[in-house]
């Protein structure tokens, strides 16, 4: 299997530690280390960024929400769709899309297109 290509942190508007933590969360979602019961994007501690702060440190993503880059804002629910995601499959789909393209593609995840 080919190694995944992820956009560099600067292209996503995040720092290296935030990028590394999101990559780690993606792996945890895909391996089933985070269950559907433990994942809910409507609550800060159990959303993708909340999990990234758990694994990478509480100082990650500490700048004001309105200063986050557009793609990251959309990842955590700026589009409205992310606010209701409780499926790790959907979470992994949108997080992988964000890391590879800069766009989470929530509409495709909500429509059931869970193949990146």
PDB file of N, CA and C in Angstrom:
ATOM      1  N   UNK A   1       0.849  -1.176   0.000  1.00  0.00           N
ATOM      2  CA  UNK A   1       0.000   0.000   0.000  1.00  0.00           C
ATOM      3  C   UNK A   1       0.891   1.235   0.000  1.00  0.00           C
ATOM      4  N   UNK A   2       0.534   2.205  -0.800  1.00  0.00           N
ATOM      5  CA  UNK A   2       1.287   3.443  -0.869  1.00  0.00           C
ATOM      6  C   UNK A   2       1.083   4.265   0.394  1.00  0.00           C
ATOM      7  N   UNK A   3       2.111   4.970   0.788  1.00  0.00           N
ATOM      8  CA  UNK A   3       1.986   5.880   1.927  1.00  0.00           C
ATOM      9  C   UNK A   3       1.075   7.036   1.515  1.00  0.00           C
ATOM     10  N   UNK A   4       0.229   7.502   2.420  1.00  0.00           N
ATOM     11  CA  UNK A   4      -0.670   8.600   2.071  1.00  0.00           C
ATOM     12  C   UNK A   4       0.095   9.900   1.878  1.00  0.00           C
ATOM     13  N   UNK A   5      -0.386  10.697   0.966  1.00  0.00           N
ATOM     14  CA  UNK A   5       0.176  12.030   0.786  1.00  0.00           C
ATOM     15  C   UNK A   5      -0.735  13.011   1.506  1.00  0.00           C
ATOM     16  N   UNK A   6      -0.199  13.730   2.452  1.00  0.00           N
ATOM     17  CA  UNK A   6      -0.945  14.768   3.132  1.00  0.00           C
ATOM     18  C   UNK A   6      -0.334  16.112   2.783  1.00  0.00           C
ATOM     19  N   UNK A   7      -1.172  17.108   2.639  1.00  0.00           N
ATOM     20  CA  UNK A   7      -0.680  18.464   2.414  1.00  0.00           C
ATOM     21  C   UNK A   7       0.221  18.858   3.581  1.00  0.00           C
ATOM     22  N   UNK A   8       1.238  19.644   3.313  1.00  0.00           N
ATOM     23  CA  UNK A   8       2.078  20.112   4.412  1.00  0.00           C
ATOM     24  C   UNK A   8       1.287  21.039   5.338  1.00  0.00           C
ATOM     25  N   UNK A   9       1.698  21.118   6.597  1.00  0.00           N
ATOM     26  CA  UNK A   9       0.969  21.948   7.559  1.00  0.00           C
ATOM     27  C   UNK A   9       0.742  23.385   7.083  1.00  0.00           C
ATOM     28  N   UNK A  10       1.768  24.007   6.510  1.00  0.00           N
ATOM     29  CA  UNK A  10       1.632  25.393   6.054  1.00  0.00           C
ATOM     30  C   UNK A  10       0.550  25.569   5.000  1.00  0.00           C
ATOM     31  N   UNK A  11       0.390  24.578   4.127  1.00  0.00           N
ATOM     32  CA  UNK A  11      -0.655  24.650   3.102  1.00  0.00           C
ATOM     33  C   UNK A  11      -2.046  24.568   3.711  1.00  0.00           C
ATOM     34  N   UNK A  12      -2.158  23.932   4.875  1.00  0.00           N
ATOM     35  CA  UNK A  12      -3.438  23.824   5.564  1.00  0.00           C
ATOM     36  C   UNK A  12      -3.670  24.974   6.544  1.00  0.00           C
ATOM     37  N   UNK A  13      -2.629  25.777   6.760  1.00  0.00           N
ATOM     38  CA  UNK A  13      -2.745  26.897   7.688  1.00  0.00           C
ATOM     39  C   UNK A  13      -2.650  26.491   9.153  1.00  0.00           C
ATOM     40  N   UNK A  14      -2.042  25.329   9.398  1.00  0.00           N
ATOM     41  CA  UNK A  14      -1.865  24.852  10.774  1.00  0.00           C
ATOM     42  C   UNK A  14      -0.376  24.611  11.004  1.00  0.00           C
ATOM     43  N   UNK A  15       0.010  24.459  12.270  1.00  0.00           N
ATOM     44  CA  UNK A  15       1.430  24.206  12.534  1.00  0.00           C
ATOM     45  C   UNK A  15       1.720  22.704  12.505  1.00  0.00           C
ATOM     46  N   UNK A  16       2.997  22.374  12.565  1.00  0.00           N
ATOM     47  CA  UNK A  16       3.429  20.975  12.428  1.00  0.00           C
ATOM     48  C   UNK A  16       2.871  20.079  13.534  1.00  0.00           C
ATOM     49  N   UNK A  17       2.823  20.578  14.759  1.00  0.00           N
ATOM     50  CA  UNK A  17       2.299  19.770  15.867  1.00  0.00           C
ATOM     51  C   UNK A  17       0.808  19.492  15.682  1.00  0.00           C
ATOM     52  N   UNK A  18       0.057  20.481  15.208  1.00  0.00           N
ATOM     53  CA  UNK A  18      -1.376  20.282  14.950  1.00  0.00           C
ATOM     54  C   UNK A  18      -1.579  19.273  13.830  1.00  0.00           C
ATOM     55  N   UNK A  19      -0.773  19.393  12.788  1.00  0.00           N
ATOM     56  CA  UNK A  19      -0.824  18.460  11.655  1.00  0.00           C
ATOM     57  C   UNK A  19      -0.543  17.035  12.127  1.00  0.00           C
ATOM     58  N   UNK A  20       0.535  16.867  12.896  1.00  0.00           N
ATOM     59  CA  UNK A  20       0.901  15.537  13.393  1.00  0.00           C
ATOM     60  C   UNK A  20      -0.212  14.936  14.244  1.00  0.00           C
ATOM     61  N   UNK A  21      -0.830  15.758  15.080  1.00  0.00           N
ATOM     62  CA  UNK A  21      -1.907  15.265  15.942  1.00  0.00           C
ATOM     63  C   UNK A  21      -3.119  14.843  15.118  1.00  0.00           C
ATOM     64  N   UNK A  22      -3.464  15.603  14.084  1.00  0.00           N
ATOM     65  CA  UNK A  22      -4.600  15.223  13.231  1.00  0.00           C
ATOM     66  C   UNK A  22      -4.310  13.933  12.466  1.00  0.00           C
ATOM     67  N   UNK A  23      -3.079  13.764  12.004  1.00  0.00           N
ATOM     68  CA  UNK A  23      -2.694  12.509  11.332  1.00  0.00           C
ATOM     69  C   UNK A  23      -2.817  11.345  12.307  1.00  0.00           C
ATOM     70  N   UNK A  24      -2.407  11.556  13.544  1.00  0.00           N
ATOM     71  CA  UNK A  24      -2.528  10.502  14.559  1.00  0.00           C
ATOM     72  C   UNK A  24      -3.997  10.171  14.827  1.00  0.00           C
ATOM     73  N   UNK A  25      -4.850  11.185  14.908  1.00  0.00           N
ATOM     74  CA  UNK A  25      -6.286  10.946  15.126  1.00  0.00           C
ATOM     75  C   UNK A  25      -6.883  10.197  13.943  1.00  0.00           C
ATOM     76  N   UNK A  26      -6.488  10.546  12.731  1.00  0.00           N
ATOM     77  CA  UNK A  26      -6.976   9.816  11.559  1.00  0.00           C
ATOM     78  C   UNK A  26      -6.643   8.338  11.679  1.00  0.00           C
ATOM     79  N   UNK A  27      -5.422   8.024  12.035  1.00  0.00           N
ATOM     80  CA  UNK A  27      -5.038   6.623  12.217  1.00  0.00           C
ATOM     81  C   UNK A  27      -5.874   5.945  13.285  1.00  0.00           C
ATOM     82  N   UNK A  28      -6.108   6.638  14.374  1.00  0.00           N
ATOM     83  CA  UNK A  28      -6.920   6.071  15.455  1.00  0.00           C
ATOM     84  C   UNK A  28      -8.352   5.812  14.993  1.00  0.00           C
ATOM     85  N   UNK A  29      -8.912   6.734  14.222  1.00  0.00           N
ATOM     86  CA  UNK A  29     -10.266   6.540  13.691  1.00  0.00           C
ATOM     87  C   UNK A  29     -10.302   5.341  12.749  1.00  0.00           C
ATOM     88  N   UNK A  30      -9.337   5.266  11.853  1.00  0.00           N
ATOM     89  CA  UNK A  30      -9.332   4.194  10.856  1.00  0.00           C
ATOM     90  C   UNK A  30      -9.037   2.822  11.467  1.00  0.00           C
ATOM     91  N   UNK A  31      -8.292   2.776  12.534  1.00  0.00           N
ATOM     92  CA  UNK A  31      -7.986   1.499  13.191  1.00  0.00           C
ATOM     93  C   UNK A  31      -9.034   1.097  14.223  1.00  0.00           C
ATOM     94  N   UNK A  32     -10.012   1.934  14.454  1.00  0.00           N
ATOM     95  CA  UNK A  32     -11.059   1.629  15.422  1.00  0.00           C
ATOM     96  C   UNK A  32     -10.654   1.879  16.864  1.00  0.00           C
ATOM     97  N   UNK A  33      -9.572   2.626  17.072  1.00  0.00           N
ATOM     98  CA  UNK A  33      -9.125   2.934  18.428  1.00  0.00           C
ATOM     99  C   UNK A  33     -10.016   3.991  19.088  1.00  0.00           C
ATOM    100  N   UNK A  34     -10.740   4.728  18.273  1.00  0.00           N
ATOM    101  CA  UNK A  34     -11.774   5.645  18.759  1.00  0.00           C
ATOM    102  C   UNK A  34     -13.084   5.048  18.265  1.00  0.00           C
ATOM    103  N   UNK A  35     -14.012   4.791  19.164  1.00  0.00           N
ATOM    104  CA  UNK A  35     -15.284   4.177  18.785  1.00  0.00           C
ATOM    105  C   UNK A  35     -16.334   5.246  18.510  1.00  0.00           C
ATOM    106  N   UNK A  36     -17.425   4.828  17.890  1.00  0.00           N
ATOM    107  CA  UNK A  36     -18.531   5.758  17.645  1.00  0.00           C
ATOM    108  C   UNK A  36     -19.044   6.367  18.951  1.00  0.00           C
ATOM    109  N   UNK A  37     -19.009   5.591  20.021  1.00  0.00           N
ATOM    110  CA  UNK A  37     -19.455   6.092  21.321  1.00  0.00           C
ATOM    111  C   UNK A  37     -18.537   7.173  21.880  1.00  0.00           C
ATOM    112  N   UNK A  38     -17.284   7.175  21.453  1.00  0.00           N
ATOM    113  CA  UNK A  38     -16.303   8.143  21.945  1.00  0.00           C
ATOM    114  C   UNK A  38     -16.124   9.333  21.020  1.00  0.00           C
ATOM    115  N   UNK A  39     -16.840   9.349  19.897  1.00  0.00           N
ATOM    116  CA  UNK A  39     -16.637  10.363  18.857  1.00  0.00           C
ATOM    117  C   UNK A  39     -17.937  11.100  18.588  1.00  0.00           C
ATOM    118  N   UNK A  40     -17.909  12.410  18.711  1.00  0.00           N
ATOM    119  CA  UNK A  40     -19.102  13.230  18.470  1.00  0.00           C
ATOM    120  C   UNK A  40     -18.629  14.635  18.147  1.00  0.00           C
ATOM    121  N   UNK A  41     -18.848  15.076  16.929  1.00  0.00           N
ATOM    122  CA  UNK A  41     -18.356  16.385  16.528  1.00  0.00           C
ATOM    123  C   UNK A  41     -19.176  17.549  17.080  1.00  0.00           C
ATOM    124  N   UNK A  42     -20.256  17.249  17.772  1.00  0.00           N
ATOM    125  CA  UNK A  42     -21.036  18.341  18.360  1.00  0.00           C
ATOM    126  C   UNK A  42     -20.499  18.747  19.732  1.00  0.00           C
ATOM    127  N   UNK A  43     -19.497  18.026  20.239  1.00  0.00           N
ATOM    128  CA  UNK A  43     -18.909  18.330  21.544  1.00  0.00           C
ATOM    129  C   UNK A  43     -17.400  18.512  21.387  1.00  0.00           C
ATOM    130  N   UNK A  44     -16.883  19.612  21.890  1.00  0.00           N
ATOM    131  CA  UNK A  44     -15.468  19.942  21.725  1.00  0.00           C
ATOM    132  C   UNK A  44     -14.533  18.810  22.143  1.00  0.00           C
ATOM    133  N   UNK A  45     -14.685  18.199  23.308  1.00  0.00           N
ATOM    134  CA  UNK A  45     -13.689  17.183  23.721  1.00  0.00           C
ATOM    135  C   UNK A  45     -13.687  15.928  22.851  1.00  0.00           C
ATOM    136  N   UNK A  46     -14.774  15.627  22.162  1.00  0.00           N
ATOM    137  CA  UNK A  46     -14.867  14.384  21.398  1.00  0.00           C
ATOM    138  C   UNK A  46     -14.892  14.605  19.888  1.00  0.00           C
ATOM    139  N   UNK A  47     -14.650  15.839  19.441  1.00  0.00           N
ATOM    140  CA  UNK A  47     -14.551  16.105  18.003  1.00  0.00           C
ATOM    141  C   UNK A  47     -13.129  15.826  17.540  1.00  0.00           C
ATOM    142  N   UNK A  48     -12.850  15.985  16.255  1.00  0.00           N
ATOM    143  CA  UNK A  48     -11.513  15.686  15.728  1.00  0.00           C
ATOM    144  C   UNK A  48     -10.434  16.560  16.369  1.00  0.00           C
ATOM    145  N   UNK A  49     -10.725  17.832  16.539  1.00  0.00           N
ATOM    146  CA  UNK A  49      -9.745  18.723  17.161  1.00  0.00           C
ATOM    147  C   UNK A  49      -9.614  18.411  18.654  1.00  0.00           C
ATOM    148  N   UNK A  50     -10.711  18.067  19.302  1.00  0.00           N
ATOM    149  CA  UNK A  50     -10.641  17.664  20.701  1.00  0.00           C
ATOM    150  C   UNK A  50      -9.759  16.440  20.888  1.00  0.00           C
ATOM    151  N   UNK A  51      -9.926  15.460  20.000  1.00  0.00           N
ATOM    152  CA  UNK A  51      -9.067  14.274  20.059  1.00  0.00           C
ATOM    153  C   UNK A  51      -7.621  14.641  19.753  1.00  0.00           C
ATOM    154  N   UNK A  52      -7.398  15.553  18.806  1.00  0.00           N
ATOM    155  CA  UNK A  52      -6.032  15.984  18.488  1.00  0.00           C
ATOM    156  C   UNK A  52      -5.385  16.640  19.700  1.00  0.00           C
ATOM    157  N   UNK A  53      -6.155  17.387  20.457  1.00  0.00           N
ATOM    158  CA  UNK A  53      -5.619  18.004  21.679  1.00  0.00           C
ATOM    159  C   UNK A  53      -5.313  16.942  22.734  1.00  0.00           C
ATOM    160  N   UNK A  54      -6.095  15.879  22.772  1.00  0.00           N
ATOM    161  CA  UNK A  54      -5.816  14.788  23.720  1.00  0.00           C
ATOM    162  C   UNK A  54      -4.485  14.121  23.414  1.00  0.00           C
ATOM    163  N   UNK A  55      -4.234  13.862  22.131  1.00  0.00           N
ATOM    164  CA  UNK A  55      -3.023  13.126  21.774  1.00  0.00           C
ATOM    165  C   UNK A  55      -1.802  14.032  21.609  1.00  0.00           C
ATOM    166  N   UNK A  56      -2.023  15.294  21.276  1.00  0.00           N
ATOM    167  CA  UNK A  56      -0.896  16.175  20.989  1.00  0.00           C
ATOM    168  C   UNK A  56      -0.638  17.268  22.000  1.00  0.00           C
ATOM    169  N   UNK A  57      -1.573  17.481  22.905  1.00  0.00           N
ATOM    170  CA  UNK A  57      -1.391  18.506  23.924  1.00  0.00           C
ATOM    171  C   UNK A  57      -2.467  19.572  23.870  1.00  0.00           C
ATOM    172  N   UNK A  58      -2.815  20.064  25.029  1.00  0.00           N
ATOM    173  CA  UNK A  58      -3.921  21.023  25.145  1.00  0.00           C
ATOM    174  C   UNK A  58      -3.617  22.379  24.539  1.00  0.00           C
ATOM    175  N   UNK A  59      -2.347  22.643  24.223  1.00  0.00           N
ATOM    176  CA  UNK A  59      -2.016  23.931  23.629  1.00  0.00           C
ATOM    177  C   UNK A  59      -2.288  23.977  22.123  1.00  0.00           C
ATOM    178  N   UNK A  60      -2.608  22.841  21.524  1.00  0.00           N
ATOM    179  CA  UNK A  60      -2.904  22.819  20.083  1.00  0.00           C
ATOM    180  C   UNK A  60      -4.235  23.500  19.793  1.00  0.00           C
ATOM    181  N   UNK A  61      -4.320  24.131  18.636  1.00  0.00           N
ATOM    182  CA  UNK A  61      -5.541  24.789  18.171  1.00  0.00           C
ATOM    183  C   UNK A  61      -6.064  25.781  19.209  1.00  0.00           C
ATOM    184  N   UNK A  62      -5.159  26.503  19.846  1.00  0.00           N
ATOM    185  CA  UNK A  62      -5.566  27.399  20.928  1.00  0.00           C
ATOM    186  C   UNK A  62      -5.895  28.812  20.454  1.00  0.00           C
ATOM    187  N   UNK A  63      -5.610  29.123  19.182  1.00  0.00           N
ATOM    188  CA  UNK A  63      -5.963  30.460  18.694  1.00  0.00           C
ATOM    189  C   UNK A  63      -7.470  30.566  18.564  1.00  0.00           C
ATOM    190  N   UNK A  64      -8.005  31.781  18.561  1.00  0.00           N
ATOM    191  CA  UNK A  64      -9.462  31.937  18.464  1.00  0.00           C
ATOM    192  C   UNK A  64     -10.033  31.252  17.220  1.00  0.00           C
ATOM    193  N   UNK A  65     -11.170  30.644  17.392  1.00  0.00           N
ATOM    194  CA  UNK A  65     -11.842  29.888  16.322  1.00  0.00           C
ATOM    195  C   UNK A  65     -11.979  30.720  15.051  1.00  0.00           C
ATOM    196  N   UNK A  66     -12.305  31.996  15.194  1.00  0.00           N
ATOM    197  CA  UNK A  66     -12.497  32.837  14.000  1.00  0.00           C
ATOM    198  C   UNK A  66     -11.185  33.104  13.253  1.00  0.00           C
ATOM    199  N   UNK A  67     -10.040  32.770  13.851  1.00  0.00           N
ATOM    200  CA  UNK A  67      -8.750  32.910  13.187  1.00  0.00           C
ATOM    201  C   UNK A  67      -8.284  31.622  12.511  1.00  0.00           C
ATOM    202  N   UNK A  68      -9.078  30.565  12.619  1.00  0.00           N
ATOM    203  CA  UNK A  68      -8.701  29.302  11.993  1.00  0.00           C
ATOM    204  C   UNK A  68      -8.858  29.414  10.478  1.00  0.00           C
ATOM    205  N   UNK A  69      -8.025  28.695   9.715  1.00  0.00           N
ATOM    206  CA  UNK A  69      -8.200  28.688   8.263  1.00  0.00           C
ATOM    207  C   UNK A  69      -9.539  28.047   7.886  1.00  0.00           C
ATOM    208  N   UNK A  70     -10.037  28.422   6.724  1.00  0.00           N
ATOM    209  CA  UNK A  70     -11.368  27.989   6.288  1.00  0.00           C
ATOM    210  C   UNK A  70     -11.539  26.471   6.310  1.00  0.00           C
ATOM    211  N   UNK A  71     -10.592  25.728   5.787  1.00  0.00           N
ATOM    212  CA  UNK A  71     -10.722  24.268   5.749  1.00  0.00           C
ATOM    213  C   UNK A  71     -10.815  23.653   7.125  1.00  0.00           C
ATOM    214  N   UNK A  72     -10.036  24.163   8.060  1.00  0.00           N
ATOM    215  CA  UNK A  72     -10.083  23.649   9.431  1.00  0.00           C
ATOM    216  C   UNK A  72     -11.415  24.006  10.071  1.00  0.00           C
ATOM    217  N   UNK A  73     -11.879  25.211   9.832  1.00  0.00           N
ATOM    218  CA  UNK A  73     -13.178  25.636  10.346  1.00  0.00           C
ATOM    219  C   UNK A  73     -14.275  24.715   9.814  1.00  0.00           C
ATOM    220  N   UNK A  74     -14.226  24.402   8.528  1.00  0.00           N
ATOM    221  CA  UNK A  74     -15.211  23.487   7.938  1.00  0.00           C
ATOM    222  C   UNK A  74     -15.087  22.081   8.519  1.00  0.00           C
ATOM    223  N   UNK A  75     -13.868  21.657   8.798  1.00  0.00           N
ATOM    224  CA  UNK A  75     -13.650  20.320   9.361  1.00  0.00           C
ATOM    225  C   UNK A  75     -14.372  20.154  10.686  1.00  0.00           C
ATOM    226  N   UNK A  76     -14.358  21.172  11.511  1.00  0.00           N
ATOM    227  CA  UNK A  76     -14.950  21.051  12.847  1.00  0.00           C
ATOM    228  C   UNK A  76     -16.398  21.505  12.900  1.00  0.00           C
ATOM    229  N   UNK A  77     -17.006  21.720  11.757  1.00  0.00           N
ATOM    230  CA  UNK A  77     -18.441  21.978  11.763  1.00  0.00           C
ATOM    231  C   UNK A  77     -18.865  23.330  11.276  1.00  0.00           C
ATOM    232  N   UNK A  78     -17.953  24.088  10.700  1.00  0.00           N
ATOM    233  CA  UNK A  78     -18.344  25.387  10.179  1.00  0.00           C
ATOM    234  C   UNK A  78     -19.414  25.291   9.107  1.00  0.00           C
ATOM    235  N   UNK A  79     -19.479  24.162   8.424  1.00  0.00           N
ATOM    236  CA  UNK A  79     -20.487  23.971   7.383  1.00  0.00           C
ATOM    237  C   UNK A  79     -21.839  23.583   7.960  1.00  0.00           C
ATOM    238  N   UNK A  80     -21.865  23.269   9.243  1.00  0.00           N
ATOM    239  CA  UNK A  80     -23.109  22.825   9.867  1.00  0.00           C
ATOM    240  C   UNK A  80     -23.233  21.312   9.894  1.00  0.00           C
ATOM    241  N   UNK A  81     -22.728  20.629   8.875  1.00  0.00           N
ATOM    242  CA  UNK A  81     -22.850  19.174   8.814  1.00  0.00           C
ATOM    243  C   UNK A  81     -22.003  18.498   9.874  1.00  0.00           C
ATOM    244  N   UNK A  82     -20.821  19.028  10.139  1.00  0.00           N
ATOM    245  CA  UNK A  82     -19.926  18.418  11.107  1.00  0.00           C
ATOM    246  C   UNK A  82     -20.470  18.425  12.518  1.00  0.00           C
ATOM    247  N   UNK A  83     -21.408  19.290  12.782  1.00  0.00           N
ATOM    248  CA  UNK A  83     -21.940  19.394  14.131  1.00  0.00           C
ATOM    249  C   UNK A  83     -22.748  18.162  14.528  1.00  0.00           C
ATOM    250  N   UNK A  84     -23.134  17.341  13.570  1.00  0.00           N
ATOM    251  CA  UNK A  84     -23.975  16.187  13.881  1.00  0.00           C
ATOM    252  C   UNK A  84     -23.295  14.854  13.599  1.00  0.00           C
ATOM    253  N   UNK A  85     -22.012  14.846  13.295  1.00  0.00           N
ATOM    254  CA  UNK A  85     -21.308  13.608  12.954  1.00  0.00           C
ATOM    255  C   UNK A  85     -20.952  12.833  14.209  1.00  0.00           C
ATOM    256  N   UNK A  86     -21.461  11.609  14.291  1.00  0.00           N
ATOM    257  CA  UNK A  86     -21.123  10.726  15.398  1.00  0.00           C
ATOM    258  C   UNK A  86     -20.561   9.405  14.890  1.00  0.00           C
ATOM    259  N   UNK A  87     -20.246   9.350  13.623  1.00  0.00           N
ATOM    260  CA  UNK A  87     -19.726   8.136  13.010  1.00  0.00           C
ATOM    261  C   UNK A  87     -18.228   8.281  12.784  1.00  0.00           C
ATOM    262  N   UNK A  88     -17.467   7.327  13.281  1.00  0.00           N
ATOM    263  CA  UNK A  88     -16.030   7.375  13.055  1.00  0.00           C
ATOM    264  C   UNK A  88     -15.695   7.190  11.577  1.00  0.00           C
ATOM    265  N   UNK A  89     -16.522   6.464  10.844  1.00  0.00           N
ATOM    266  CA  UNK A  89     -16.295   6.300   9.402  1.00  0.00           C
ATOM    267  C   UNK A  89     -16.414   7.648   8.692  1.00  0.00           C
ATOM    268  N   UNK A  90     -17.445   8.422   9.032  1.00  0.00           N
ATOM    269  CA  UNK A  90     -17.585   9.755   8.451  1.00  0.00           C
ATOM    270  C   UNK A  90     -16.442  10.655   8.903  1.00  0.00           C
ATOM    271  N   UNK A  91     -16.107  10.574  10.183  1.00  0.00           N
ATOM    272  CA  UNK A  91     -15.015  11.393  10.700  1.00  0.00           C
ATOM    273  C   UNK A  91     -13.703  11.108   9.996  1.00  0.00           C
ATOM    274  N   UNK A  92     -13.387   9.830   9.802  1.00  0.00           N
ATOM    275  CA  UNK A  92     -12.157   9.460   9.107  1.00  0.00           C
ATOM    276  C   UNK A  92     -12.185   9.939   7.656  1.00  0.00           C
ATOM    277  N   UNK A  93     -13.328   9.815   7.006  1.00  0.00           N
ATOM    278  CA  UNK A  93     -13.474  10.257   5.618  1.00  0.00           C
ATOM    279  C   UNK A  93     -13.176  11.742   5.486  1.00  0.00           C
ATOM    280  N   UNK A  94     -13.814  12.560   6.319  1.00  0.00           N
ATOM    281  CA  UNK A  94     -13.620  14.008   6.186  1.00  0.00           C
ATOM    282  C   UNK A  94     -12.232  14.437   6.653  1.00  0.00           C
ATOM    283  N   UNK A  95     -11.691  13.781   7.678  1.00  0.00           N
ATOM    284  CA  UNK A  95     -10.354  14.142   8.140  1.00  0.00           C
ATOM    285  C   UNK A  95      -9.307  13.780   7.091  1.00  0.00           C
ATOM    286  N   UNK A  96      -9.433  12.606   6.460  1.00  0.00           N
ATOM    287  CA  UNK A  96      -8.508  12.237   5.386  1.00  0.00           C
ATOM    288  C   UNK A  96      -8.621  13.226   4.224  1.00  0.00           C
ATOM    289  N   UNK A  97      -9.834  13.599   3.869  1.00  0.00           N
ATOM    290  CA  UNK A  97     -10.011  14.573   2.788  1.00  0.00           C
ATOM    291  C   UNK A  97      -9.373  15.914   3.141  1.00  0.00           C
ATOM    292  N   UNK A  98      -9.581  16.364   4.373  1.00  0.00           N
ATOM    293  CA  UNK A  98      -8.981  17.628   4.803  1.00  0.00           C
ATOM    294  C   UNK A  98      -7.462  17.558   4.713  1.00  0.00           C
ATOM    295  N   UNK A  99      -6.873  16.487   5.206  1.00  0.00           N
ATOM    296  CA  UNK A  99      -5.413  16.372   5.207  1.00  0.00           C
ATOM    297  C   UNK A  99      -4.832  16.237   3.803  1.00  0.00           C
ATOM    298  N   UNK A 100      -5.585  15.671   2.864  1.00  0.00           N
ATOM    299  CA  UNK A 100      -5.054  15.480   1.507  1.00  0.00           C
ATOM    300  C   UNK A 100      -5.431  16.604   0.542  1.00  0.00           C
ATOM    301  N   UNK A 101      -6.574  17.255   0.762  1.00  0.00           N
ATOM    302  CA  UNK A 101      -7.019  18.284  -0.188  1.00  0.00           C
ATOM    303  C   UNK A 101      -7.231  19.650   0.441  1.00  0.00           C
ATOM    304  N   UNK A 102      -7.345  19.704   1.765  1.00  0.00           N
ATOM    305  CA  UNK A 102      -7.652  20.962   2.440  1.00  0.00           C
ATOM    306  C   UNK A 102      -9.138  21.209   2.598  1.00  0.00           C
ATOM    307  N   UNK A 103      -9.953  20.293   2.061  1.00  0.00           N
ATOM    308  CA  UNK A 103     -11.412  20.409   2.145  1.00  0.00           C
ATOM    309  C   UNK A 103     -11.982  19.112   2.716  1.00  0.00           C
ATOM    310  N   UNK A 104     -12.832  19.202   3.745  1.00  0.00           N
ATOM    311  CA  UNK A 104     -13.355  17.984   4.360  1.00  0.00           C
ATOM    312  C   UNK A 104     -14.364  17.203   3.506  1.00  0.00           C
ATOM    313  N   UNK A 105     -15.093  17.879   2.646  1.00  0.00           N
ATOM    314  CA  UNK A 105     -16.120  17.244   1.794  1.00  0.00           C
ATOM    315  C   UNK A 105     -17.219  16.573   2.631  1.00  0.00           C
ATOM    316  N   UNK A 106     -17.743  17.330   3.614  1.00  0.00           N
ATOM    317  CA  UNK A 106     -18.816  16.822   4.489  1.00  0.00           C
ATOM    318  C   UNK A 106     -20.033  16.357   3.703  1.00  0.00           C
ATOM    319  N   UNK A 107     -20.392  17.067   2.642  1.00  0.00           N
ATOM    320  CA  UNK A 107     -21.597  16.691   1.883  1.00  0.00           C
ATOM    321  C   UNK A 107     -21.478  15.281   1.316  1.00  0.00           C
ATOM    322  N   UNK A 108     -20.278  14.914   0.855  1.00  0.00           N
ATOM    323  CA  UNK A 108     -20.086  13.562   0.340  1.00  0.00           C
ATOM    324  C   UNK A 108     -20.166  12.536   1.464  1.00  0.00           C
ATOM    325  N   UNK A 109     -19.609  12.862   2.609  1.00  0.00           N
ATOM    326  CA  UNK A 109     -19.685  11.939   3.757  1.00  0.00           C
ATOM    327  C   UNK A 109     -21.127  11.758   4.196  1.00  0.00           C
ATOM    328  N   UNK A 110     -21.877  12.847   4.229  1.00  0.00           N
ATOM    329  CA  UNK A 110     -23.287  12.764   4.643  1.00  0.00           C
ATOM    330  C   UNK A 110     -24.123  11.976   3.645  1.00  0.00           C
ATOM    331  N   UNK A 111     -23.706  12.015   2.364  1.00  0.00           N
ATOM    332  CA  UNK A 111     -24.432  11.289   1.325  1.00  0.00           C
ATOM    333  C   UNK A 111     -24.045   9.817   1.282  1.00  0.00           C
ATOM    334  N   UNK A 112     -23.072   9.425   2.089  1.00  0.00           N
ATOM    335  CA  UNK A 112     -22.690   8.018   2.151  1.00  0.00           C
ATOM    336  C   UNK A 112     -21.530   7.649   1.251  1.00  0.00           C
ATOM    337  N   UNK A 113     -20.884   8.626   0.626  1.00  0.00           N
ATOM    338  CA  UNK A 113     -19.744   8.346  -0.253  1.00  0.00           C
ATOM    339  C   UNK A 113     -18.484   8.241   0.599  1.00  0.00           C
ATOM    340  N   UNK A 114     -18.337   7.139   1.307  1.00  0.00           N
ATOM    341  CA  UNK A 114     -17.241   7.027   2.258  1.00  0.00           C
ATOM    342  C   UNK A 114     -15.992   6.395   1.684  1.00  0.00           C
ATOM    343  N   UNK A 115     -15.710   6.681   0.426  1.00  0.00           N
ATOM    344  CA  UNK A 115     -14.466   6.234  -0.194  1.00  0.00           C
ATOM    345  C   UNK A 115     -13.730   7.483  -0.614  1.00  0.00           C
ATOM    346  N   UNK A 116     -12.566   7.704  -0.030  1.00  0.00           N
ATOM    347  CA  UNK A 116     -11.785   8.918  -0.338  1.00  0.00           C
ATOM    348  C   UNK A 116     -11.177   8.827  -1.720  1.00  0.00           C
TER     349      UNK A 116
END
